[in-house]
Structures are given as C-alpha cells and as structure tokens.
C-alpha cells in the first residue's frame, strides 16, 4: 500500500541543503562534461577506434548513467525542501543504479583482460580482441548487468513492506529498502546477495590473477622504456578499479559500530557520485592519445 518513500535529506538546515545542492551540481556538471568529452572524442577520433578506447567509451556511458540516476532527484529535493520519491520512481532508481554500477564492474573486468592480453600476448592481441569479440564482450557485460538489476529490483519490490516508508539514504538503495520489509520476508533477497557476493568475488579474483600475470610479464621486459610504457597503460585502469572497489566495499562492509546517518551519507556520496567525476580525469591524465584528441576538439 506504500505509494511513496521518504529519502534522507542531505542536511538539516536550509542553508546547508543549498550548499550541498551547489556541491552536487558542480560535481555532476564536471562528470557530465568530462564523460561527454571522452565519449565524443572516442566516437569521432578514428585513431581511437581500438579495444581499449571502445571499452573506455562504454565505461564513460556507465558513469554518465549512474550519476544521472541518483543526483538529479537529490538536487530536486534539496532545492524544493522535500523528501518524497514515488514508489515507481524508487523502483526505477534502484534498477538503473544497479544496471550502471554492475555494468561498470563487468566492463572494468573486461578491460583488465584487454590490458592482460596486450602485455602478455601482444602478438595475439588482434586475434583475441577483434572488433567482433569486443562488441560481444561489451554486449555480454550490458546484458548481464540488465538481468542482474532486473532480478534484484523485481525481488526487492515484491517483498511486503511494513516498517514505514522512510529510507536512511539520499537515493533508493536495496539494503535500506530491506530494512522496511516484514520479518522473514527478506530471505529470498539474502540468497540473491549471496549470489552477488560470489559474482563480485569471481570478477575480483580474475582481476587480481590478471594483474599478477601482467606484473610478471612486465618484469621480464629488459628495457626501462618498455616498463614505463606497459605501466602507463595499466595504471589508469588499476586506479579506477581501486577507487571503485574501495569506496563500494567500505560502504557495504563497514562495521555497524561505525554506522551513523551522517557517515553513511558521506560514504554513499563517495561511491555513487565521486568516481564518475574522477574516472575521466584519471584516464585523461594518463593516455596521451586521449589528451591530444580532447585538445583538438
């Protein structure tokens, strides 16, 4: 019977709400501009039509999508001093946030494979990562993310909610919705969370294994210039993966004793708003081809 939810306000006073509104507006505009420039540069620059930049374009799309899913509603509520979000709006927000976040994680895993092949098997790079193979891998990442988000969203919003409608988060998120569910009605979601943990762990193990292979291959390169070239292509991806995983893991695995509304709000902003704005900067600073293309634009 719930028709709407109440989101957590960004601040208690009107002045702080407007301040947070300005901060979110600045971060979101920077993310939109930076990711939009990367998408335009890769799409228009023929010399950037390589597997690495193709996956980078898809990664920029996920960053755009994730920040456009959560931030506009938070800014709207701060501007008009309200907390409401409709039931269908909340379901849509959960679905799209899960879609873009999971697609980003899958794409980062694929990009790790791309870096591993380019360094460990450079002679087979064109064969293993042709245009058709890259398109299939990107499509598989998006399709898996779509099914993953649909499964979680359908299961979460099929649960009966009997603990009110106030969420302790500035956007709709599954753990906070589960707190509103009736007793024993969340067991199905726990099984899905166990499946999610195995999926995340599998991708993480693949990333770690790939980087072990990369570092072993780099250490066998005789010249210092070869070392520098190999590390310069891997460091941006490693930095983005570290930023993504560290903020997300801290948000979901921090001890309950550390939990408080203000800390949860800061952490949620760190893993949902900050990475989409920083990822383009990390890649722009490290890839000279991308810097040249952006300068020409």
C-alpha atoms as a PDB file:
ATOM      1  CA  UNK A   1       0.000   0.000   0.000  1.00  0.00           C
ATOM      2  CA  UNK A   2       3.052   2.308   0.028  1.00  0.00           C
ATOM      3  CA  UNK A   3       2.710   4.990  -2.649  1.00  0.00           C
ATOM      4  CA  UNK A   4       5.949   6.875  -1.951  1.00  0.00           C
ATOM      5  CA  UNK A   5       9.138   6.786   0.092  1.00  0.00           C
ATOM      6  CA  UNK A   6      10.897   9.450   2.160  1.00  0.00           C
ATOM      7  CA  UNK A   7      14.570   9.915   1.332  1.00  0.00           C
ATOM      8  CA  UNK A   8      17.242  11.091   3.744  1.00  0.00           C
ATOM      9  CA  UNK A   9      17.781  14.868   3.401  1.00  0.00           C
ATOM     10  CA  UNK A  10      21.305  15.995   2.597  1.00  0.00           C
ATOM     11  CA  UNK A  11      21.308  18.388   5.574  1.00  0.00           C
ATOM     12  CA  UNK A  12      19.112  19.520   8.461  1.00  0.00           C
ATOM     13  CA  UNK A  13      19.150  23.262   7.800  1.00  0.00           C
ATOM     14  CA  UNK A  14      18.049  25.105   4.684  1.00  0.00           C
ATOM     15  CA  UNK A  15      21.413  26.825   4.234  1.00  0.00           C
ATOM     16  CA  UNK A  16      23.318  23.519   4.317  1.00  0.00           C
ATOM     17  CA  UNK A  17      20.824  21.979   1.916  1.00  0.00           C
ATOM     18  CA  UNK A  18      21.505  24.724  -0.622  1.00  0.00           C
ATOM     19  CA  UNK A  19      25.266  24.348  -0.059  1.00  0.00           C
ATOM     20  CA  UNK A  20      25.079  20.618  -0.727  1.00  0.00           C
ATOM     21  CA  UNK A  21      22.926  21.348  -3.756  1.00  0.00           C
ATOM     22  CA  UNK A  22      25.674  23.565  -5.189  1.00  0.00           C
ATOM     23  CA  UNK A  23      28.344  20.939  -4.463  1.00  0.00           C
ATOM     24  CA  UNK A  24      26.329  18.181  -6.128  1.00  0.00           C
ATOM     25  CA  UNK A  25      25.588  20.442  -9.071  1.00  0.00           C
ATOM     26  CA  UNK A  26      29.289  21.223  -9.550  1.00  0.00           C
ATOM     27  CA  UNK A  27      30.360  17.567  -9.294  1.00  0.00           C
ATOM     28  CA  UNK A  28      27.601  16.329 -11.603  1.00  0.00           C
ATOM     29  CA  UNK A  29      28.304  19.019 -14.230  1.00  0.00           C
ATOM     30  CA  UNK A  30      32.010  18.150 -14.133  1.00  0.00           C
ATOM     31  CA  UNK A  31      31.175  14.444 -14.544  1.00  0.00           C
ATOM     32  CA  UNK A  32      28.756  15.123 -17.400  1.00  0.00           C
ATOM     33  CA  UNK A  33      31.250  17.353 -19.200  1.00  0.00           C
ATOM     34  CA  UNK A  34      34.242  15.054 -18.728  1.00  0.00           C
ATOM     35  CA  UNK A  35      32.451  11.837 -19.674  1.00  0.00           C
ATOM     36  CA  UNK A  36      30.682  13.560 -22.564  1.00  0.00           C
ATOM     37  CA  UNK A  37      34.031  14.755 -23.925  1.00  0.00           C
ATOM     38  CA  UNK A  38      35.510  11.266 -23.686  1.00  0.00           C
ATOM     39  CA  UNK A  39      32.511   9.740 -25.497  1.00  0.00           C
ATOM     40  CA  UNK A  40      32.723  12.398 -28.223  1.00  0.00           C
ATOM     41  CA  UNK A  41      36.497  12.071 -28.599  1.00  0.00           C
ATOM     42  CA  UNK A  42      36.425   8.269 -28.896  1.00  0.00           C
ATOM     43  CA  UNK A  43      33.407   8.268 -31.214  1.00  0.00           C
ATOM     44  CA  UNK A  44      34.800  10.951 -33.536  1.00  0.00           C
ATOM     45  CA  UNK A  45      38.524  10.157 -33.408  1.00  0.00           C
ATOM     46  CA  UNK A  46      39.286   7.349 -35.870  1.00  0.00           C
ATOM     47  CA  UNK A  47      42.724   6.783 -34.356  1.00  0.00           C
ATOM     48  CA  UNK A  48      41.000   5.983 -31.034  1.00  0.00           C
ATOM     49  CA  UNK A  49      38.961   3.124 -32.509  1.00  0.00           C
ATOM     50  CA  UNK A  50      40.827   0.451 -30.559  1.00  0.00           C
ATOM     51  CA  UNK A  51      39.547  -2.095 -27.992  1.00  0.00           C
ATOM     52  CA  UNK A  52      40.926  -0.103 -25.051  1.00  0.00           C
ATOM     53  CA  UNK A  53      39.134   3.107 -26.016  1.00  0.00           C
ATOM     54  CA  UNK A  54      35.987   1.218 -27.070  1.00  0.00           C
ATOM     55  CA  UNK A  55      35.666  -0.156 -23.546  1.00  0.00           C
ATOM     56  CA  UNK A  56      36.549   3.273 -22.151  1.00  0.00           C
ATOM     57  CA  UNK A  57      33.609   4.724 -24.105  1.00  0.00           C
ATOM     58  CA  UNK A  58      31.298   2.131 -22.534  1.00  0.00           C
ATOM     59  CA  UNK A  59      32.749   2.926 -19.108  1.00  0.00           C
ATOM     60  CA  UNK A  60      32.014   6.628 -19.633  1.00  0.00           C
ATOM     61  CA  UNK A  61      28.410   5.702 -20.500  1.00  0.00           C
ATOM     62  CA  UNK A  62      28.031   3.833 -17.198  1.00  0.00           C
ATOM     63  CA  UNK A  63      29.475   6.811 -15.301  1.00  0.00           C
ATOM     64  CA  UNK A  64      27.018   9.153 -17.002  1.00  0.00           C
ATOM     65  CA  UNK A  65      24.132   6.825 -16.287  1.00  0.00           C
ATOM     66  CA  UNK A  66      24.932   6.249 -12.615  1.00  0.00           C
ATOM     67  CA  UNK A  67      25.318   9.927 -11.759  1.00  0.00           C
ATOM     68  CA  UNK A  68      22.151  10.850 -13.714  1.00  0.00           C
ATOM     69  CA  UNK A  69      20.222   8.201 -11.777  1.00  0.00           C
ATOM     70  CA  UNK A  70      20.888   9.424  -8.230  1.00  0.00           C
ATOM     71  CA  UNK A  71      21.948  13.082  -8.284  1.00  0.00           C
ATOM     72  CA  UNK A  72      19.043  14.881 -10.064  1.00  0.00           C
ATOM     73  CA  UNK A  73      16.438  13.679  -7.556  1.00  0.00           C
ATOM     74  CA  UNK A  74      18.679  14.595  -4.616  1.00  0.00           C
ATOM     75  CA  UNK A  75      19.195  18.095  -6.048  1.00  0.00           C
ATOM     76  CA  UNK A  76      15.457  18.459  -6.709  1.00  0.00           C
ATOM     77  CA  UNK A  77      14.633  17.516  -3.100  1.00  0.00           C
ATOM     78  CA  UNK A  78      17.249  19.912  -1.728  1.00  0.00           C
ATOM     79  CA  UNK A  79      16.027  22.754  -3.933  1.00  0.00           C
ATOM     80  CA  UNK A  80      12.359  22.335  -3.023  1.00  0.00           C
ATOM     81  CA  UNK A  81      12.983  21.173   0.583  1.00  0.00           C
ATOM     82  CA  UNK A  82      11.163  17.874   0.181  1.00  0.00           C
ATOM     83  CA  UNK A  83      11.971  14.201   0.764  1.00  0.00           C
ATOM     84  CA  UNK A  84       9.403  12.411  -1.409  1.00  0.00           C
ATOM     85  CA  UNK A  85      10.057   9.918  -4.191  1.00  0.00           C
ATOM     86  CA  UNK A  86       7.266   7.880  -5.749  1.00  0.00           C
ATOM     87  CA  UNK A  87       7.135   4.090  -5.467  1.00  0.00           C
ATOM     88  CA  UNK A  88       7.704   3.624  -9.198  1.00  0.00           C
ATOM     89  CA  UNK A  89      10.409   6.305  -9.180  1.00  0.00           C
ATOM     90  CA  UNK A  90      12.195   4.465  -6.387  1.00  0.00           C
ATOM     91  CA  UNK A  91      11.967   1.151  -8.259  1.00  0.00           C
ATOM     92  CA  UNK A  92      13.336   2.806 -11.408  1.00  0.00           C
ATOM     93  CA  UNK A  93      16.175   4.377  -9.434  1.00  0.00           C
ATOM     94  CA  UNK A  94      17.139   1.011  -7.899  1.00  0.00           C
ATOM     95  CA  UNK A  95      17.043  -0.707 -11.293  1.00  0.00           C
ATOM     96  CA  UNK A  96      19.097   1.853 -13.201  1.00  0.00           C
ATOM     97  CA  UNK A  97      21.634   2.338 -10.407  1.00  0.00           C
ATOM     98  CA  UNK A  98      22.230  -1.423 -10.227  1.00  0.00           C
ATOM     99  CA  UNK A  99      22.356  -1.604 -14.023  1.00  0.00           C
ATOM    100  CA  UNK A 100      25.064   1.036 -14.391  1.00  0.00           C
ATOM    101  CA  UNK A 101      27.102   0.036 -11.331  1.00  0.00           C
ATOM    102  CA  UNK A 102      27.180  -3.665 -12.246  1.00  0.00           C
ATOM    103  CA  UNK A 103      27.876  -2.860 -15.922  1.00  0.00           C
ATOM    104  CA  UNK A 104      30.818  -0.708 -14.807  1.00  0.00           C
ATOM    105  CA  UNK A 105      32.227  -3.551 -12.718  1.00  0.00           C
ATOM    106  CA  UNK A 106      31.877  -6.053 -15.564  1.00  0.00           C
ATOM    107  CA  UNK A 107      33.460  -3.610 -18.014  1.00  0.00           C
ATOM    108  CA  UNK A 108      36.384  -2.995 -15.650  1.00  0.00           C
ATOM    109  CA  UNK A 109      36.894  -6.772 -15.537  1.00  0.00           C
ATOM    110  CA  UNK A 110      36.871  -6.953 -19.346  1.00  0.00           C
ATOM    111  CA  UNK A 111      39.282  -4.010 -19.558  1.00  0.00           C
ATOM    112  CA  UNK A 112      41.611  -5.920 -17.259  1.00  0.00           C
ATOM    113  CA  UNK A 113      41.534  -8.808 -19.738  1.00  0.00           C
ATOM    114  CA  UNK A 114      42.279  -6.330 -22.528  1.00  0.00           C
ATOM    115  CA  UNK A 115      45.347  -4.998 -20.694  1.00  0.00           C
ATOM    116  CA  UNK A 116      46.498  -8.535 -19.870  1.00  0.00           C
ATOM    117  CA  UNK A 117      46.338  -9.677 -23.496  1.00  0.00           C
ATOM    118  CA  UNK A 118      48.052  -6.528 -24.804  1.00  0.00           C
ATOM    119  CA  UNK A 119      51.035  -7.016 -22.470  1.00  0.00           C
ATOM    120  CA  UNK A 120      51.264 -10.786 -22.049  1.00  0.00           C
ATOM    121  CA  UNK A 121      50.225 -11.847 -25.574  1.00  0.00           C
ATOM    122  CA  UNK A 122      50.822  -8.833 -27.836  1.00  0.00           C
ATOM    123  CA  UNK A 123      51.151 -10.950 -30.986  1.00  0.00           C
ATOM    124  CA  UNK A 124      47.671 -12.425 -30.456  1.00  0.00           C
ATOM    125  CA  UNK A 125      46.034  -9.114 -29.495  1.00  0.00           C
ATOM    126  CA  UNK A 126      44.365  -8.531 -32.866  1.00  0.00           C
ATOM    127  CA  UNK A 127      43.020 -12.086 -32.924  1.00  0.00           C
ATOM    128  CA  UNK A 128      41.727 -12.286 -29.356  1.00  0.00           C
ATOM    129  CA  UNK A 129      40.338  -8.748 -29.276  1.00  0.00           C
ATOM    130  CA  UNK A 130      38.980  -8.077 -32.723  1.00  0.00           C
ATOM    131  CA  UNK A 131      36.071  -5.711 -33.283  1.00  0.00           C
ATOM    132  CA  UNK A 132      33.509  -8.525 -33.184  1.00  0.00           C
ATOM    133  CA  UNK A 133      34.967 -10.020 -29.985  1.00  0.00           C
ATOM    134  CA  UNK A 134      34.953  -6.594 -28.292  1.00  0.00           C
ATOM    135  CA  UNK A 135      31.341  -5.970 -29.319  1.00  0.00           C
ATOM    136  CA  UNK A 136      30.325  -9.387 -27.971  1.00  0.00           C
ATOM    137  CA  UNK A 137      32.103  -8.808 -24.649  1.00  0.00           C
ATOM    138  CA  UNK A 138      30.560  -5.347 -24.208  1.00  0.00           C
ATOM    139  CA  UNK A 139      27.111  -6.704 -25.086  1.00  0.00           C
ATOM    140  CA  UNK A 140      27.581  -9.539 -22.597  1.00  0.00           C
ATOM    141  CA  UNK A 141      28.531  -7.048 -19.865  1.00  0.00           C
ATOM    142  CA  UNK A 142      25.451  -4.891 -20.501  1.00  0.00           C
ATOM    143  CA  UNK A 143      23.108  -7.895 -20.816  1.00  0.00           C
ATOM    144  CA  UNK A 144      24.434  -9.455 -17.589  1.00  0.00           C
ATOM    145  CA  UNK A 145      24.050  -6.141 -15.784  1.00  0.00           C
ATOM    146  CA  UNK A 146      20.483  -5.777 -17.111  1.00  0.00           C
ATOM    147  CA  UNK A 147      19.472  -9.255 -15.891  1.00  0.00           C
ATOM    148  CA  UNK A 148      21.241  -8.720 -12.562  1.00  0.00           C
ATOM    149  CA  UNK A 149      19.493  -5.387 -11.965  1.00  0.00           C
ATOM    150  CA  UNK A 150      16.103  -6.739 -13.088  1.00  0.00           C
ATOM    151  CA  UNK A 151      16.390  -9.764 -10.804  1.00  0.00           C
ATOM    152  CA  UNK A 152      17.282  -7.700  -7.724  1.00  0.00           C
ATOM    153  CA  UNK A 153      14.701  -4.975  -8.401  1.00  0.00           C
ATOM    154  CA  UNK A 154      11.842  -7.411  -9.040  1.00  0.00           C
ATOM    155  CA  UNK A 155      12.653  -9.401  -5.928  1.00  0.00           C
ATOM    156  CA  UNK A 156      13.072  -6.347  -3.678  1.00  0.00           C
ATOM    157  CA  UNK A 157       9.826  -4.658  -4.689  1.00  0.00           C
ATOM    158  CA  UNK A 158       7.842  -7.890  -4.444  1.00  0.00           C
ATOM    159  CA  UNK A 159       8.526  -8.001  -0.688  1.00  0.00           C
ATOM    160  CA  UNK A 160       5.822  -6.741   1.685  1.00  0.00           C
ATOM    161  CA  UNK A 161       6.957  -3.570   3.467  1.00  0.00           C
ATOM    162  CA  UNK A 162       5.550  -2.974   6.935  1.00  0.00           C
ATOM    163  CA  UNK A 163       8.190  -0.856   8.718  1.00  0.00           C
ATOM    164  CA  UNK A 164       7.157   2.560   7.378  1.00  0.00           C
ATOM    165  CA  UNK A 165       8.445   4.319   4.276  1.00  0.00           C
ATOM    166  CA  UNK A 166      11.468   6.349   5.487  1.00  0.00           C
ATOM    167  CA  UNK A 167      14.797   5.385   3.876  1.00  0.00           C
ATOM    168  CA  UNK A 168      18.112   6.201   5.546  1.00  0.00           C
ATOM    169  CA  UNK A 169      19.753   7.160   2.251  1.00  0.00           C
ATOM    170  CA  UNK A 170      19.559  10.107  -0.171  1.00  0.00           C
ATOM    171  CA  UNK A 171      18.614   7.725  -3.001  1.00  0.00           C
ATOM    172  CA  UNK A 172      16.767   4.403  -3.150  1.00  0.00           C
ATOM    173  CA  UNK A 173      19.085   1.538  -2.285  1.00  0.00           C
ATOM    174  CA  UNK A 174      18.258  -2.117  -1.665  1.00  0.00           C
ATOM    175  CA  UNK A 175      19.750  -2.524   1.870  1.00  0.00           C
ATOM    176  CA  UNK A 176      17.678   0.409   3.161  1.00  0.00           C
ATOM    177  CA  UNK A 177      14.511  -0.880   1.483  1.00  0.00           C
ATOM    178  CA  UNK A 178      15.069  -4.322   3.039  1.00  0.00           C
ATOM    179  CA  UNK A 179      15.056  -2.699   6.476  1.00  0.00           C
ATOM    180  CA  UNK A 180      11.396  -1.827   5.839  1.00  0.00           C
ATOM    181  CA  UNK A 181      10.403  -5.397   4.978  1.00  0.00           C
ATOM    182  CA  UNK A 182       8.423  -7.668   7.268  1.00  0.00           C
ATOM    183  CA  UNK A 183      10.174 -10.354   9.290  1.00  0.00           C
ATOM    184  CA  UNK A 184      11.415 -13.401   7.328  1.00  0.00           C
ATOM    185  CA  UNK A 185      10.254 -11.877   4.052  1.00  0.00           C
ATOM    186  CA  UNK A 186      13.809 -10.876   3.094  1.00  0.00           C
ATOM    187  CA  UNK A 187      15.232 -14.427   2.911  1.00  0.00           C
ATOM    188  CA  UNK A 188      14.911 -14.523  -0.890  1.00  0.00           C
ATOM    189  CA  UNK A 189      16.983 -11.351  -1.171  1.00  0.00           C
ATOM    190  CA  UNK A 190      19.645 -12.871   1.080  1.00  0.00           C
ATOM    191  CA  UNK A 191      20.100 -15.709  -1.413  1.00  0.00           C
ATOM    192  CA  UNK A 192      20.458 -13.134  -4.183  1.00  0.00           C
ATOM    193  CA  UNK A 193      23.024 -11.247  -2.100  1.00  0.00           C
ATOM    194  CA  UNK A 194      24.985 -14.491  -1.621  1.00  0.00           C
ATOM    195  CA  UNK A 195      24.924 -14.988  -5.401  1.00  0.00           C
ATOM    196  CA  UNK A 196      26.065 -11.367  -5.837  1.00  0.00           C
ATOM    197  CA  UNK A 197      28.940 -11.894  -3.414  1.00  0.00           C
ATOM    198  CA  UNK A 198      30.139 -14.905  -5.407  1.00  0.00           C
ATOM    199  CA  UNK A 199      29.857 -12.956  -8.668  1.00  0.00           C
ATOM    200  CA  UNK A 200      31.783  -9.965  -7.296  1.00  0.00           C
ATOM    201  CA  UNK A 201      34.415 -12.251  -5.787  1.00  0.00           C
ATOM    202  CA  UNK A 202      34.838 -14.127  -9.069  1.00  0.00           C
ATOM    203  CA  UNK A 203      35.446 -10.910 -11.006  1.00  0.00           C
ATOM    204  CA  UNK A 204      37.825  -9.684  -8.296  1.00  0.00           C
ATOM    205  CA  UNK A 205      39.846 -12.918  -8.387  1.00  0.00           C
ATOM    206  CA  UNK A 206      40.054 -12.628 -12.185  1.00  0.00           C
ATOM    207  CA  UNK A 207      41.317  -9.028 -11.898  1.00  0.00           C
ATOM    208  CA  UNK A 208      43.943  -9.990  -9.306  1.00  0.00           C
ATOM    209  CA  UNK A 209      45.077 -13.001 -11.358  1.00  0.00           C
ATOM    210  CA  UNK A 210      45.321 -10.860 -14.498  1.00  0.00           C
ATOM    211  CA  UNK A 211      47.456  -8.240 -12.768  1.00  0.00           C
ATOM    212  CA  UNK A 212      49.750 -10.922 -11.384  1.00  0.00           C
ATOM    213  CA  UNK A 213      50.287 -12.102 -14.962  1.00  0.00           C
ATOM    214  CA  UNK A 214      50.793  -8.501 -16.131  1.00  0.00           C
ATOM    215  CA  UNK A 215      53.407  -7.725 -13.495  1.00  0.00           C
ATOM    216  CA  UNK A 216      55.255 -10.972 -14.219  1.00  0.00           C
ATOM    217  CA  UNK A 217      55.327 -10.104 -17.927  1.00  0.00           C
ATOM    218  CA  UNK A 218      56.453  -6.519 -17.249  1.00  0.00           C
ATOM    219  CA  UNK A 219      59.325  -7.675 -15.038  1.00  0.00           C
ATOM    220  CA  UNK A 220      60.649  -9.738 -17.956  1.00  0.00           C
ATOM    221  CA  UNK A 221      60.857  -6.649 -20.205  1.00  0.00           C
ATOM    222  CA  UNK A 222      64.589  -5.754 -20.482  1.00  0.00           C
ATOM    223  CA  UNK A 223      64.316  -2.012 -21.170  1.00  0.00           C
ATOM    224  CA  UNK A 224      63.208   0.679 -18.756  1.00  0.00           C
ATOM    225  CA  UNK A 225      61.250   2.358 -21.561  1.00  0.00           C
ATOM    226  CA  UNK A 226      59.253  -0.838 -22.036  1.00  0.00           C
ATOM    227  CA  UNK A 227      58.468  -0.897 -18.325  1.00  0.00           C
ATOM    228  CA  UNK A 228      57.234   2.672 -18.445  1.00  0.00           C
ATOM    229  CA  UNK A 229      55.048   2.049 -21.496  1.00  0.00           C
ATOM    230  CA  UNK A 230      53.486  -1.078 -20.004  1.00  0.00           C
ATOM    231  CA  UNK A 231      52.783   0.511 -16.628  1.00  0.00           C
ATOM    232  CA  UNK A 232      51.393   3.685 -18.212  1.00  0.00           C
ATOM    233  CA  UNK A 233      48.651   1.660 -19.917  1.00  0.00           C
ATOM    234  CA  UNK A 234      47.775  -0.293 -16.760  1.00  0.00           C
ATOM    235  CA  UNK A 235      47.951   2.344 -14.021  1.00  0.00           C
ATOM    236  CA  UNK A 236      44.777   4.265 -15.051  1.00  0.00           C
ATOM    237  CA  UNK A 237      42.722   1.074 -15.058  1.00  0.00           C
ATOM    238  CA  UNK A 238      44.221  -0.052 -11.758  1.00  0.00           C
ATOM    239  CA  UNK A 239      43.478   3.352 -10.201  1.00  0.00           C
ATOM    240  CA  UNK A 240      39.845   3.282 -11.382  1.00  0.00           C
ATOM    241  CA  UNK A 241      39.343  -0.293 -10.145  1.00  0.00           C
ATOM    242  CA  UNK A 242      40.854   0.590  -6.749  1.00  0.00           C
ATOM    243  CA  UNK A 243      38.649   3.679  -6.406  1.00  0.00           C
ATOM    244  CA  UNK A 244      35.520   1.749  -7.398  1.00  0.00           C
ATOM    245  CA  UNK A 245      36.119  -1.252  -5.134  1.00  0.00           C
ATOM    246  CA  UNK A 246      37.468   0.593  -2.092  1.00  0.00           C
ATOM    247  CA  UNK A 247      34.537   3.015  -1.851  1.00  0.00           C
ATOM    248  CA  UNK A 248      31.905   0.336  -2.541  1.00  0.00           C
ATOM    249  CA  UNK A 249      33.393  -2.219  -0.132  1.00  0.00           C
ATOM    250  CA  UNK A 250      33.738   0.352   2.630  1.00  0.00           C
ATOM    251  CA  UNK A 251      30.119   1.415   2.124  1.00  0.00           C
ATOM    252  CA  UNK A 252      28.708  -2.109   2.359  1.00  0.00           C
ATOM    253  CA  UNK A 253      31.188  -3.877   4.657  1.00  0.00           C
ATOM    254  CA  UNK A 254      31.960  -1.245   7.280  1.00  0.00           C
ATOM    255  CA  UNK A 255      31.265  -2.362  10.877  1.00  0.00           C
ATOM    256  CA  UNK A 256      27.829  -1.499  12.310  1.00  0.00           C
ATOM    257  CA  UNK A 257      29.562   0.407  15.137  1.00  0.00           C
ATOM    258  CA  UNK A 258      30.788   2.933  12.552  1.00  0.00           C
ATOM    259  CA  UNK A 259      27.350   3.446  11.064  1.00  0.00           C
ATOM    260  CA  UNK A 260      25.633   6.805  11.516  1.00  0.00           C
ATOM    261  CA  UNK A 261      23.347   8.841   9.236  1.00  0.00           C
ATOM    262  CA  UNK A 262      25.983  11.497   8.534  1.00  0.00           C
ATOM    263  CA  UNK A 263      28.788   8.974   7.864  1.00  0.00           C
ATOM    264  CA  UNK A 264      26.515   6.813   5.694  1.00  0.00           C
ATOM    265  CA  UNK A 265      25.606   9.900   3.677  1.00  0.00           C
ATOM    266  CA  UNK A 266      29.258  10.854   3.117  1.00  0.00           C
ATOM    267  CA  UNK A 267      30.212   7.284   2.163  1.00  0.00           C
ATOM    268  CA  UNK A 268      27.283   6.949  -0.244  1.00  0.00           C
ATOM    269  CA  UNK A 269      28.323  10.172  -1.989  1.00  0.00           C
ATOM    270  CA  UNK A 270      31.907   8.864  -2.199  1.00  0.00           C
ATOM    271  CA  UNK A 271      30.973   5.673  -4.040  1.00  0.00           C
ATOM    272  CA  UNK A 272      27.999   6.886  -6.105  1.00  0.00           C
ATOM    273  CA  UNK A 273      28.948  10.460  -7.094  1.00  0.00           C
ATOM    274  CA  UNK A 274      32.717  10.944  -6.836  1.00  0.00           C
ATOM    275  CA  UNK A 275      34.013   8.035  -9.037  1.00  0.00           C
ATOM    276  CA  UNK A 276      32.039   9.091 -12.159  1.00  0.00           C
ATOM    277  CA  UNK A 277      33.644  12.529 -11.883  1.00  0.00           C
ATOM    278  CA  UNK A 278      37.181  11.271 -11.182  1.00  0.00           C
ATOM    279  CA  UNK A 279      37.368   8.399 -13.694  1.00  0.00           C
ATOM    280  CA  UNK A 280      37.590  10.652 -16.789  1.00  0.00           C
ATOM    281  CA  UNK A 281      40.285  12.747 -15.110  1.00  0.00           C
ATOM    282  CA  UNK A 282      42.361   9.647 -14.349  1.00  0.00           C
ATOM    283  CA  UNK A 283      42.188   8.396 -17.931  1.00  0.00           C
ATOM    284  CA  UNK A 284      42.731  11.842 -19.432  1.00  0.00           C
ATOM    285  CA  UNK A 285      45.907  12.408 -17.429  1.00  0.00           C
ATOM    286  CA  UNK A 286      47.463   9.069 -18.394  1.00  0.00           C
ATOM    287  CA  UNK A 287      46.579   8.490 -22.051  1.00  0.00           C
ATOM    288  CA  UNK A 288      48.383  10.886 -24.392  1.00  0.00           C
ATOM    289  CA  UNK A 289      46.199   9.876 -27.372  1.00  0.00           C
ATOM    290  CA  UNK A 290      43.085  10.871 -25.452  1.00  0.00           C
ATOM    291  CA  UNK A 291      44.646  14.164 -24.355  1.00  0.00           C
ATOM    292  CA  UNK A 292      45.535  15.003 -27.949  1.00  0.00           C
ATOM    293  CA  UNK A 293      42.031  14.157 -29.184  1.00  0.00           C
ATOM    294  CA  UNK A 294      40.414  16.297 -26.473  1.00  0.00           C
ATOM    295  CA  UNK A 295      42.758  19.169 -27.254  1.00  0.00           C
ATOM    296  CA  UNK A 296      41.779  19.017 -30.925  1.00  0.00           C
ATOM    297  CA  UNK A 297      38.095  19.030 -30.003  1.00  0.00           C
END
